[in-house]
Amino acid sequence: MGLSIIVTDYSGQVFDKIDDPKNFLHKLLPPSDEESAILLAKIDWYGDTYFNYLQINQFLGEWDQLSRRSETVVERELVDGVRRLAKRCREDRVLLRFIGD
């Protein structure tokens, strides 16, 4: 199973969610030792990774670079969906959470 990406408040209430059941992000996200992707390289495939609204501008900059690697329509839709969630995180001052297996 792939990652689930959710927008949540600090008490855990979920506002929006996208799943990656086919594990497309595993192909697109950088490895943990890639220095050019400070935030994205730290997404934990087996645990939870949180980004707050203060980190989202940097996250979006890295995400835009990642989006160039998407090749299929499904990958682009997933990337665009995560971008939408990240922007909501920034606007609503909540958390963007990646949930691993």
PDB file of N, CA and C in Angstrom:
ATOM      1  N   MET A   1       0.834  -1.180   0.000  1.00  0.00           N
ATOM      2  CA  MET A   1       0.000   0.000   0.000  1.00  0.00           C
ATOM      3  C   MET A   1       0.878   1.243   0.000  1.00  0.00           C
ATOM      4  N   GLY A   2       0.440   2.280  -0.654  1.00  0.00           N
ATOM      5  CA  GLY A   2       1.200   3.520  -0.731  1.00  0.00           C
ATOM      6  C   GLY A   2       0.841   4.481   0.384  1.00  0.00           C
ATOM      7  N   LEU A   3       1.278   5.694   0.231  1.00  0.00           N
ATOM      8  CA  LEU A   3       1.043   6.744   1.209  1.00  0.00           C
ATOM      9  C   LEU A   3      -0.391   7.267   1.152  1.00  0.00           C
ATOM     10  N   SER A   4      -0.856   7.752   2.281  1.00  0.00           N
ATOM     11  CA  SER A   4      -2.067   8.561   2.346  1.00  0.00           C
ATOM     12  C   SER A   4      -1.622   9.961   2.725  1.00  0.00           C
ATOM     13  N   ILE A   5      -2.220  10.955   2.118  1.00  0.00           N
ATOM     14  CA  ILE A   5      -1.863  12.341   2.392  1.00  0.00           C
ATOM     15  C   ILE A   5      -3.125  13.037   2.856  1.00  0.00           C
ATOM     16  N   ILE A   6      -3.061  13.654   4.041  1.00  0.00           N
ATOM     17  CA  ILE A   6      -4.255  14.279   4.591  1.00  0.00           C
ATOM     18  C   ILE A   6      -3.939  15.697   5.059  1.00  0.00           C
ATOM     19  N   VAL A   7      -4.982  16.488   5.118  1.00  0.00           N
ATOM     20  CA  VAL A   7      -4.932  17.795   5.758  1.00  0.00           C
ATOM     21  C   VAL A   7      -5.684  17.637   7.063  1.00  0.00           C
ATOM     22  N   THR A   8      -5.035  17.988   8.156  1.00  0.00           N
ATOM     23  CA  THR A   8      -5.612  17.796   9.477  1.00  0.00           C
ATOM     24  C   THR A   8      -5.295  18.984  10.363  1.00  0.00           C
ATOM     25  N   ASP A   9      -6.116  19.193  11.376  1.00  0.00           N
ATOM     26  CA  ASP A   9      -5.775  20.228  12.345  1.00  0.00           C
ATOM     27  C   ASP A   9      -4.912  19.603  13.432  1.00  0.00           C
ATOM     28  N   TYR A  10      -4.550  20.398  14.405  1.00  0.00           N
ATOM     29  CA  TYR A  10      -3.614  19.932  15.433  1.00  0.00           C
ATOM     30  C   TYR A  10      -4.234  18.935  16.399  1.00  0.00           C
ATOM     31  N   SER A  11      -5.566  18.820  16.389  1.00  0.00           N
ATOM     32  CA  SER A  11      -6.220  17.826  17.243  1.00  0.00           C
ATOM     33  C   SER A  11      -6.477  16.521  16.500  1.00  0.00           C
ATOM     34  N   GLY A  12      -6.184  16.492  15.203  1.00  0.00           N
ATOM     35  CA  GLY A  12      -6.332  15.273  14.425  1.00  0.00           C
ATOM     36  C   GLY A  12      -7.561  15.216  13.534  1.00  0.00           C
ATOM     37  N   GLN A  13      -8.385  16.251  13.540  1.00  0.00           N
ATOM     38  CA  GLN A  13      -9.570  16.254  12.670  1.00  0.00           C
ATOM     39  C   GLN A  13      -9.127  16.338  11.211  1.00  0.00           C
ATOM     40  N   VAL A  14      -9.617  15.419  10.391  1.00  0.00           N
ATOM     41  CA  VAL A  14      -9.249  15.345   8.979  1.00  0.00           C
ATOM     42  C   VAL A  14     -10.202  16.205   8.155  1.00  0.00           C
ATOM     43  N   PHE A  15      -9.622  17.061   7.292  1.00  0.00           N
ATOM     44  CA  PHE A  15     -10.406  17.930   6.424  1.00  0.00           C
ATOM     45  C   PHE A  15     -10.426  17.457   4.975  1.00  0.00           C
ATOM     46  N   ASP A  16      -9.368  16.806   4.543  1.00  0.00           N
ATOM     47  CA  ASP A  16      -9.275  16.361   3.158  1.00  0.00           C
ATOM     48  C   ASP A  16      -8.229  15.255   3.087  1.00  0.00           C
ATOM     49  N   LYS A  17      -8.327  14.404   2.052  1.00  0.00           N
ATOM     50  CA  LYS A  17      -7.436  13.243   1.988  1.00  0.00           C
ATOM     51  C   LYS A  17      -7.256  12.783   0.548  1.00  0.00           C
ATOM     52  N   ILE A  18      -6.059  12.319   0.251  1.00  0.00           N
ATOM     53  CA  ILE A  18      -5.738  11.671  -1.017  1.00  0.00           C
ATOM     54  C   ILE A  18      -4.941  10.414  -0.693  1.00  0.00           C
ATOM     55  N   ASP A  19      -5.256   9.339  -1.372  1.00  0.00           N
ATOM     56  CA  ASP A  19      -4.505   8.097  -1.209  1.00  0.00           C
ATOM     57  C   ASP A  19      -3.694   7.808  -2.469  1.00  0.00           C
ATOM     58  N   ASP A  20      -2.604   7.101  -2.271  1.00  0.00           N
ATOM     59  CA  ASP A  20      -1.748   6.664  -3.370  1.00  0.00           C
ATOM     60  C   ASP A  20      -1.638   5.138  -3.309  1.00  0.00           C
ATOM     61  N   PRO A  21      -2.751   4.414  -3.577  1.00  0.00           N
ATOM     62  CA  PRO A  21      -2.741   2.958  -3.405  1.00  0.00           C
ATOM     63  C   PRO A  21      -1.820   2.224  -4.373  1.00  0.00           C
ATOM     64  N   LYS A  22      -1.494   2.832  -5.497  1.00  0.00           N
ATOM     65  CA  LYS A  22      -0.609   2.193  -6.475  1.00  0.00           C
ATOM     66  C   LYS A  22       0.860   2.563  -6.262  1.00  0.00           C
ATOM     67  N   ASN A  23       1.124   3.368  -5.221  1.00  0.00           N
ATOM     68  CA  ASN A  23       2.496   3.706  -4.824  1.00  0.00           C
ATOM     69  C   ASN A  23       3.258   4.510  -5.882  1.00  0.00           C
ATOM     70  N   PHE A  24       2.570   5.397  -6.582  1.00  0.00           N
ATOM     71  CA  PHE A  24       3.226   6.243  -7.580  1.00  0.00           C
ATOM     72  C   PHE A  24       4.253   7.183  -6.942  1.00  0.00           C
ATOM     73  N   LEU A  25       3.958   7.673  -5.740  1.00  0.00           N
ATOM     74  CA  LEU A  25       4.879   8.617  -5.101  1.00  0.00           C
ATOM     75  C   LEU A  25       6.218   7.979  -4.765  1.00  0.00           C
ATOM     76  N   HIS A  26       6.218   6.682  -4.554  1.00  0.00           N
ATOM     77  CA  HIS A  26       7.488   6.019  -4.252  1.00  0.00           C
ATOM     78  C   HIS A  26       8.470   6.187  -5.410  1.00  0.00           C
ATOM     79  N   LYS A  27       7.948   6.209  -6.611  1.00  0.00           N
ATOM     80  CA  LYS A  27       8.790   6.413  -7.793  1.00  0.00           C
ATOM     81  C   LYS A  27       9.192   7.881  -7.941  1.00  0.00           C
ATOM     82  N   LEU A  28       8.290   8.796  -7.563  1.00  0.00           N
ATOM     83  CA  LEU A  28       8.514  10.220  -7.806  1.00  0.00           C
ATOM     84  C   LEU A  28       9.314  10.933  -6.706  1.00  0.00           C
ATOM     85  N   LEU A  29       9.099  10.533  -5.465  1.00  0.00           N
ATOM     86  CA  LEU A  29       9.766  11.231  -4.361  1.00  0.00           C
ATOM     87  C   LEU A  29      11.263  10.921  -4.345  1.00  0.00           C
ATOM     88  N   PRO A  30      12.064  11.888  -3.924  1.00  0.00           N
ATOM     89  CA  PRO A  30      13.516  11.686  -3.904  1.00  0.00           C
ATOM     90  C   PRO A  30      13.934  10.731  -2.782  1.00  0.00           C
ATOM     91  N   PRO A  31      15.100  10.100  -2.939  1.00  0.00           N
ATOM     92  CA  PRO A  31      15.621   9.256  -1.857  1.00  0.00           C
ATOM     93  C   PRO A  31      16.010  10.116  -0.651  1.00  0.00           C
ATOM     94  N   SER A  32      16.092   9.486   0.496  1.00  0.00           N
ATOM     95  CA  SER A  32      16.329  10.218   1.749  1.00  0.00           C
ATOM     96  C   SER A  32      17.673  10.930   1.799  1.00  0.00           C
ATOM     97  N   ASP A  33      18.606  10.561   0.945  1.00  0.00           N
ATOM     98  CA  ASP A  33      19.922  11.205   0.980  1.00  0.00           C
ATOM     99  C   ASP A  33      20.092  12.288  -0.087  1.00  0.00           C
ATOM    100  N   GLU A  34      19.032  12.616  -0.806  1.00  0.00           N
ATOM    101  CA  GLU A  34      19.127  13.649  -1.835  1.00  0.00           C
ATOM    102  C   GLU A  34      19.144  15.032  -1.182  1.00  0.00           C
ATOM    103  N   GLU A  35      20.201  15.771  -1.395  1.00  0.00           N
ATOM    104  CA  GLU A  35      20.384  17.058  -0.730  1.00  0.00           C
ATOM    105  C   GLU A  35      19.543  18.175  -1.335  1.00  0.00           C
ATOM    106  N   SER A  36      19.124  18.059  -2.575  1.00  0.00           N
ATOM    107  CA  SER A  36      18.355  19.128  -3.208  1.00  0.00           C
ATOM    108  C   SER A  36      16.909  19.162  -2.730  1.00  0.00           C
ATOM    109  N   ALA A  37      16.462  18.105  -2.094  1.00  0.00           N
ATOM    110  CA  ALA A  37      15.082  18.028  -1.619  1.00  0.00           C
ATOM    111  C   ALA A  37      15.091  17.889  -0.103  1.00  0.00           C
ATOM    112  N   ILE A  38      15.227  18.983   0.569  1.00  0.00           N
ATOM    113  CA  ILE A  38      15.379  18.967   2.024  1.00  0.00           C
ATOM    114  C   ILE A  38      14.152  18.385   2.716  1.00  0.00           C
ATOM    115  N   LEU A  39      12.964  18.802   2.315  1.00  0.00           N
ATOM    116  CA  LEU A  39      11.745  18.318   2.967  1.00  0.00           C
ATOM    117  C   LEU A  39      11.240  17.013   2.367  1.00  0.00           C
ATOM    118  N   LEU A  40      11.122  16.957   1.058  1.00  0.00           N
ATOM    119  CA  LEU A  40      10.533  15.775   0.426  1.00  0.00           C
ATOM    120  C   LEU A  40      11.354  14.516   0.663  1.00  0.00           C
ATOM    121  N   ALA A  41      12.658  14.656   0.780  1.00  0.00           N
ATOM    122  CA  ALA A  41      13.514  13.498   1.014  1.00  0.00           C
ATOM    123  C   ALA A  41      13.330  12.915   2.411  1.00  0.00           C
ATOM    124  N   LYS A  42      12.659  13.626   3.264  1.00  0.00           N
ATOM    125  CA  LYS A  42      12.469  13.164   4.646  1.00  0.00           C
ATOM    126  C   LYS A  42      11.103  12.544   4.894  1.00  0.00           C
ATOM    127  N   ILE A  43      10.306  12.365   3.851  1.00  0.00           N
ATOM    128  CA  ILE A  43       9.009  11.698   4.018  1.00  0.00           C
ATOM    129  C   ILE A  43       9.264  10.232   4.344  1.00  0.00           C
ATOM    130  N   ASP A  44       8.694   9.787   5.455  1.00  0.00           N
ATOM    131  CA  ASP A  44       8.899   8.433   5.974  1.00  0.00           C
ATOM    132  C   ASP A  44       7.885   7.484   5.333  1.00  0.00           C
ATOM    133  N   TRP A  45       8.367   6.481   4.613  1.00  0.00           N
ATOM    134  CA  TRP A  45       7.478   5.531   3.933  1.00  0.00           C
ATOM    135  C   TRP A  45       6.751   4.618   4.901  1.00  0.00           C
ATOM    136  N   TYR A  46       7.265   4.466   6.117  1.00  0.00           N
ATOM    137  CA  TYR A  46       6.706   3.499   7.054  1.00  0.00           C
ATOM    138  C   TYR A  46       6.135   4.150   8.308  1.00  0.00           C
ATOM    139  N   GLY A  47       6.217   5.464   8.402  1.00  0.00           N
ATOM    140  CA  GLY A  47       5.680   6.185   9.549  1.00  0.00           C
ATOM    141  C   GLY A  47       4.929   7.408   9.064  1.00  0.00           C
ATOM    142  N   ASP A  48       4.734   8.354   9.958  1.00  0.00           N
ATOM    143  CA  ASP A  48       4.016   9.581   9.625  1.00  0.00           C
ATOM    144  C   ASP A  48       4.989  10.747   9.531  1.00  0.00           C
ATOM    145  N   THR A  49       4.749  11.602   8.559  1.00  0.00           N
ATOM    146  CA  THR A  49       5.541  12.808   8.374  1.00  0.00           C
ATOM    147  C   THR A  49       4.575  13.981   8.318  1.00  0.00           C
ATOM    148  N   TYR A  50       4.851  15.016   9.107  1.00  0.00           N
ATOM    149  CA  TYR A  50       3.993  16.189   9.186  1.00  0.00           C
ATOM    150  C   TYR A  50       4.723  17.415   8.644  1.00  0.00           C
ATOM    151  N   PHE A  51       3.983  18.251   7.941  1.00  0.00           N
ATOM    152  CA  PHE A  51       4.472  19.562   7.528  1.00  0.00           C
ATOM    153  C   PHE A  51       3.465  20.589   8.008  1.00  0.00           C
ATOM    154  N   ASN A  52       3.958  21.665   8.619  1.00  0.00           N
ATOM    155  CA  ASN A  52       3.041  22.713   9.057  1.00  0.00           C
ATOM    156  C   ASN A  52       3.020  23.847   8.041  1.00  0.00           C
ATOM    157  N   TYR A  53       2.143  24.785   8.254  1.00  0.00           N
ATOM    158  CA  TYR A  53       1.951  25.872   7.285  1.00  0.00           C
ATOM    159  C   TYR A  53       3.208  26.722   7.104  1.00  0.00           C
ATOM    160  N   LEU A  54       4.103  26.746   8.075  1.00  0.00           N
ATOM    161  CA  LEU A  54       5.338  27.513   7.940  1.00  0.00           C
ATOM    162  C   LEU A  54       6.324  26.847   6.977  1.00  0.00           C
ATOM    163  N   GLN A  55       6.192  25.555   6.772  1.00  0.00           N
ATOM    164  CA  GLN A  55       7.087  24.808   5.889  1.00  0.00           C
ATOM    165  C   GLN A  55       6.544  24.676   4.468  1.00  0.00           C
ATOM    166  N   ILE A  56       5.314  25.052   4.250  1.00  0.00           N
ATOM    167  CA  ILE A  56       4.643  24.730   2.989  1.00  0.00           C
ATOM    168  C   ILE A  56       5.233  25.468   1.790  1.00  0.00           C
ATOM    169  N   ASN A  57       5.688  26.687   1.931  1.00  0.00           N
ATOM    170  CA  ASN A  57       6.273  27.358   0.769  1.00  0.00           C
ATOM    171  C   ASN A  57       7.492  26.601   0.253  1.00  0.00           C
ATOM    172  N   GLN A  58       8.359  26.157   1.155  1.00  0.00           N
ATOM    173  CA  GLN A  58       9.511  25.358   0.732  1.00  0.00           C
ATOM    174  C   GLN A  58       9.041  24.018   0.170  1.00  0.00           C
ATOM    175  N   PHE A  59       8.066  23.411   0.828  1.00  0.00           N
ATOM    176  CA  PHE A  59       7.500  22.152   0.346  1.00  0.00           C
ATOM    177  C   PHE A  59       7.005  22.316  -1.094  1.00  0.00           C
ATOM    178  N   LEU A  60       6.255  23.375  -1.354  1.00  0.00           N
ATOM    179  CA  LEU A  60       5.706  23.597  -2.697  1.00  0.00           C
ATOM    180  C   LEU A  60       6.798  23.824  -3.733  1.00  0.00           C
ATOM    181  N   GLY A  61       7.866  24.502  -3.357  1.00  0.00           N
ATOM    182  CA  GLY A  61       8.984  24.678  -4.276  1.00  0.00           C
ATOM    183  C   GLY A  61       9.595  23.339  -4.671  1.00  0.00           C
ATOM    184  N   GLU A  62       9.800  22.477  -3.696  1.00  0.00           N
ATOM    185  CA  GLU A  62      10.327  21.142  -3.982  1.00  0.00           C
ATOM    186  C   GLU A  62       9.303  20.309  -4.749  1.00  0.00           C
ATOM    187  N   TRP A  63       8.018  20.480  -4.408  1.00  0.00           N
ATOM    188  CA  TRP A  63       6.956  19.718  -5.064  1.00  0.00           C
ATOM    189  C   TRP A  63       6.869  20.087  -6.549  1.00  0.00           C
ATOM    190  N   ASP A  64       7.083  21.359  -6.862  1.00  0.00           N
ATOM    191  CA  ASP A  64       7.072  21.777  -8.263  1.00  0.00           C
ATOM    192  C   ASP A  64       8.181  21.089  -9.050  1.00  0.00           C
ATOM    193  N   GLN A  65       9.333  20.903  -8.433  1.00  0.00           N
ATOM    194  CA  GLN A  65      10.425  20.171  -9.093  1.00  0.00           C
ATOM    195  C   GLN A  65      10.036  18.708  -9.298  1.00  0.00           C
ATOM    196  N   LEU A  66       9.416  18.114  -8.280  1.00  0.00           N
ATOM    197  CA  LEU A  66       8.974  16.726  -8.362  1.00  0.00           C
ATOM    198  C   LEU A  66       7.941  16.559  -9.477  1.00  0.00           C
ATOM    199  N   SER A  67       7.064  17.533  -9.647  1.00  0.00           N
ATOM    200  CA  SER A  67       5.979  17.406 -10.627  1.00  0.00           C
ATOM    201  C   SER A  67       6.519  17.240 -12.044  1.00  0.00           C
ATOM    202  N   ARG A  68       7.712  17.710 -12.300  1.00  0.00           N
ATOM    203  CA  ARG A  68       8.309  17.563 -13.630  1.00  0.00           C
ATOM    204  C   ARG A  68       8.640  16.105 -13.958  1.00  0.00           C
ATOM    205  N   ARG A  69       8.733  15.283 -12.924  1.00  0.00           N
ATOM    206  CA  ARG A  69       9.050  13.862 -13.133  1.00  0.00           C
ATOM    207  C   ARG A  69       7.811  13.011 -13.389  1.00  0.00           C
ATOM    208  N   SER A  70       6.616  13.568 -13.164  1.00  0.00           N
ATOM    209  CA  SER A  70       5.404  12.779 -13.391  1.00  0.00           C
ATOM    210  C   SER A  70       5.203  12.591 -14.884  1.00  0.00           C
ATOM    211  N   GLU A  71       4.912  11.363 -15.267  1.00  0.00           N
ATOM    212  CA  GLU A  71       4.839  11.010 -16.684  1.00  0.00           C
ATOM    213  C   GLU A  71       3.421  10.690 -17.152  1.00  0.00           C
ATOM    214  N   THR A  72       2.632  10.090 -16.301  1.00  0.00           N
ATOM    215  CA  THR A  72       1.296   9.667 -16.716  1.00  0.00           C
ATOM    216  C   THR A  72       0.241  10.631 -16.201  1.00  0.00           C
ATOM    217  N   VAL A  73      -0.940  10.503 -16.756  1.00  0.00           N
ATOM    218  CA  VAL A  73      -2.068  11.331 -16.317  1.00  0.00           C
ATOM    219  C   VAL A  73      -2.369  11.069 -14.839  1.00  0.00           C
ATOM    220  N   VAL A  74      -2.329   9.812 -14.435  1.00  0.00           N
ATOM    221  CA  VAL A  74      -2.617   9.454 -13.039  1.00  0.00           C
ATOM    222  C   VAL A  74      -1.581  10.072 -12.101  1.00  0.00           C
ATOM    223  N   GLU A  75      -0.321  10.027 -12.478  1.00  0.00           N
ATOM    224  CA  GLU A  75       0.726  10.637 -11.654  1.00  0.00           C
ATOM    225  C   GLU A  75       0.518  12.146 -11.558  1.00  0.00           C
ATOM    226  N   ARG A  76       0.208  12.786 -12.670  1.00  0.00           N
ATOM    227  CA  ARG A  76      -0.011  14.240 -12.649  1.00  0.00           C
ATOM    228  C   ARG A  76      -1.218  14.611 -11.789  1.00  0.00           C
ATOM    229  N   GLU A  77      -2.277  13.813 -11.854  1.00  0.00           N
ATOM    230  CA  GLU A  77      -3.453  14.076 -11.020  1.00  0.00           C
ATOM    231  C   GLU A  77      -3.114  13.947  -9.540  1.00  0.00           C
ATOM    232  N   LEU A  78      -2.333  12.944  -9.200  1.00  0.00           N
ATOM    233  CA  LEU A  78      -1.912  12.752  -7.816  1.00  0.00           C
ATOM    234  C   LEU A  78      -1.045  13.921  -7.349  1.00  0.00           C
ATOM    235  N   VAL A  79      -0.084  14.307  -8.156  1.00  0.00           N
ATOM    236  CA  VAL A  79       0.802  15.423  -7.819  1.00  0.00           C
ATOM    237  C   VAL A  79      -0.003  16.714  -7.660  1.00  0.00           C
ATOM    238  N   ASP A  80      -0.935  16.948  -8.572  1.00  0.00           N
ATOM    239  CA  ASP A  80      -1.773  18.147  -8.480  1.00  0.00           C
ATOM    240  C   ASP A  80      -2.665  18.110  -7.245  1.00  0.00           C
ATOM    241  N   GLY A  81      -3.157  16.929  -6.896  1.00  0.00           N
ATOM    242  CA  GLY A  81      -3.984  16.796  -5.699  1.00  0.00           C
ATOM    243  C   GLY A  81      -3.211  17.098  -4.428  1.00  0.00           C
ATOM    244  N   VAL A  82      -1.984  16.613  -4.340  1.00  0.00           N
ATOM    245  CA  VAL A  82      -1.153  16.897  -3.163  1.00  0.00           C
ATOM    246  C   VAL A  82      -0.823  18.386  -3.109  1.00  0.00           C
ATOM    247  N   ARG A  83      -0.567  19.004  -4.258  1.00  0.00           N
ATOM    248  CA  ARG A  83      -0.313  20.447  -4.298  1.00  0.00           C
ATOM    249  C   ARG A  83      -1.528  21.216  -3.745  1.00  0.00           C
ATOM    250  N   ARG A  84      -2.720  20.776  -4.140  1.00  0.00           N
ATOM    251  CA  ARG A  84      -3.950  21.411  -3.639  1.00  0.00           C
ATOM    252  C   ARG A  84      -4.048  21.284  -2.119  1.00  0.00           C
ATOM    253  N   LEU A  85      -3.730  20.101  -1.588  1.00  0.00           N
ATOM    254  CA  LEU A  85      -3.758  19.904  -0.140  1.00  0.00           C
ATOM    255  C   LEU A  85      -2.729  20.785   0.560  1.00  0.00           C
ATOM    256  N   ALA A  86      -1.550  20.898  -0.031  1.00  0.00           N
ATOM    257  CA  ALA A  86      -0.491  21.731   0.561  1.00  0.00           C
ATOM    258  C   ALA A  86      -0.921  23.200   0.604  1.00  0.00           C
ATOM    259  N   LYS A  87      -1.553  23.654  -0.457  1.00  0.00           N
ATOM    260  CA  LYS A  87      -2.023  25.043  -0.464  1.00  0.00           C
ATOM    261  C   LYS A  87      -3.109  25.255   0.574  1.00  0.00           C
ATOM    262  N   ARG A  88      -3.954  24.276   0.767  1.00  0.00           N
ATOM    263  CA  ARG A  88      -4.973  24.389   1.816  1.00  0.00           C
ATOM    264  C   ARG A  88      -4.321  24.439   3.190  1.00  0.00           C
ATOM    265  N   CYS A  89      -3.282  23.658   3.380  1.00  0.00           N
ATOM    266  CA  CYS A  89      -2.541  23.679   4.640  1.00  0.00           C
ATOM    267  C   CYS A  89      -2.014  25.075   4.924  1.00  0.00           C
ATOM    268  N   ARG A  90      -1.440  25.705   3.910  1.00  0.00           N
ATOM    269  CA  ARG A  90      -0.885  27.048   4.074  1.00  0.00           C
ATOM    270  C   ARG A  90      -1.990  28.068   4.361  1.00  0.00           C
ATOM    271  N   GLU A  91      -3.076  27.987   3.632  1.00  0.00           N
ATOM    272  CA  GLU A  91      -4.156  28.966   3.786  1.00  0.00           C
ATOM    273  C   GLU A  91      -4.895  28.830   5.111  1.00  0.00           C
ATOM    274  N   ASP A  92      -5.123  27.590   5.529  1.00  0.00           N
ATOM    275  CA  ASP A  92      -5.899  27.345   6.746  1.00  0.00           C
ATOM    276  C   ASP A  92      -5.038  27.203   7.994  1.00  0.00           C
ATOM    277  N   ARG A  93      -3.719  27.248   7.811  1.00  0.00           N
ATOM    278  CA  ARG A  93      -2.763  27.096   8.921  1.00  0.00           C
ATOM    279  C   ARG A  93      -2.984  25.806   9.708  1.00  0.00           C
ATOM    280  N   VAL A  94      -2.988  24.716   8.934  1.00  0.00           N
ATOM    281  CA  VAL A  94      -3.162  23.382   9.514  1.00  0.00           C
ATOM    282  C   VAL A  94      -1.966  22.525   9.102  1.00  0.00           C
ATOM    283  N   LEU A  95      -2.088  21.210   9.231  1.00  0.00           N
ATOM    284  CA  LEU A  95      -0.987  20.288   8.954  1.00  0.00           C
ATOM    285  C   LEU A  95      -1.235  19.508   7.675  1.00  0.00           C
ATOM    286  N   LEU A  96      -0.159  19.245   6.944  1.00  0.00           N
ATOM    287  CA  LEU A  96      -0.168  18.308   5.833  1.00  0.00           C
ATOM    288  C   LEU A  96       0.557  17.075   6.350  1.00  0.00           C
ATOM    289  N   ARG A  97      -0.127  15.948   6.308  1.00  0.00           N
ATOM    290  CA  ARG A  97       0.411  14.730   6.923  1.00  0.00           C
ATOM    291  C   ARG A  97       0.519  13.620   5.881  1.00  0.00           C
ATOM    292  N   PHE A  98       1.695  13.006   5.788  1.00  0.00           N
ATOM    293  CA  PHE A  98       1.919  11.840   4.950  1.00  0.00           C
ATOM    294  C   PHE A  98       1.925  10.630   5.881  1.00  0.00           C
ATOM    295  N   ILE A  99       1.053   9.681   5.604  1.00  0.00           N
ATOM    296  CA  ILE A  99       0.927   8.491   6.439  1.00  0.00           C
ATOM    297  C   ILE A  99       1.476   7.289   5.675  1.00  0.00           C
ATOM    298  N   GLY A 100       2.526   6.695   6.205  1.00  0.00           N
ATOM    299  CA  GLY A 100       3.157   5.535   5.571  1.00  0.00           C
ATOM    300  C   GLY A 100       2.486   4.240   5.961  1.00  0.00           C
ATOM    301  N   ASP A 101       2.981   3.151   5.368  1.00  0.00           N
ATOM    302  CA  ASP A 101       2.413   1.819   5.629  1.00  0.00           C
ATOM    303  C   ASP A 101       2.666   1.413   7.064  1.00  0.00           C
TER     304      ASP A 101
END
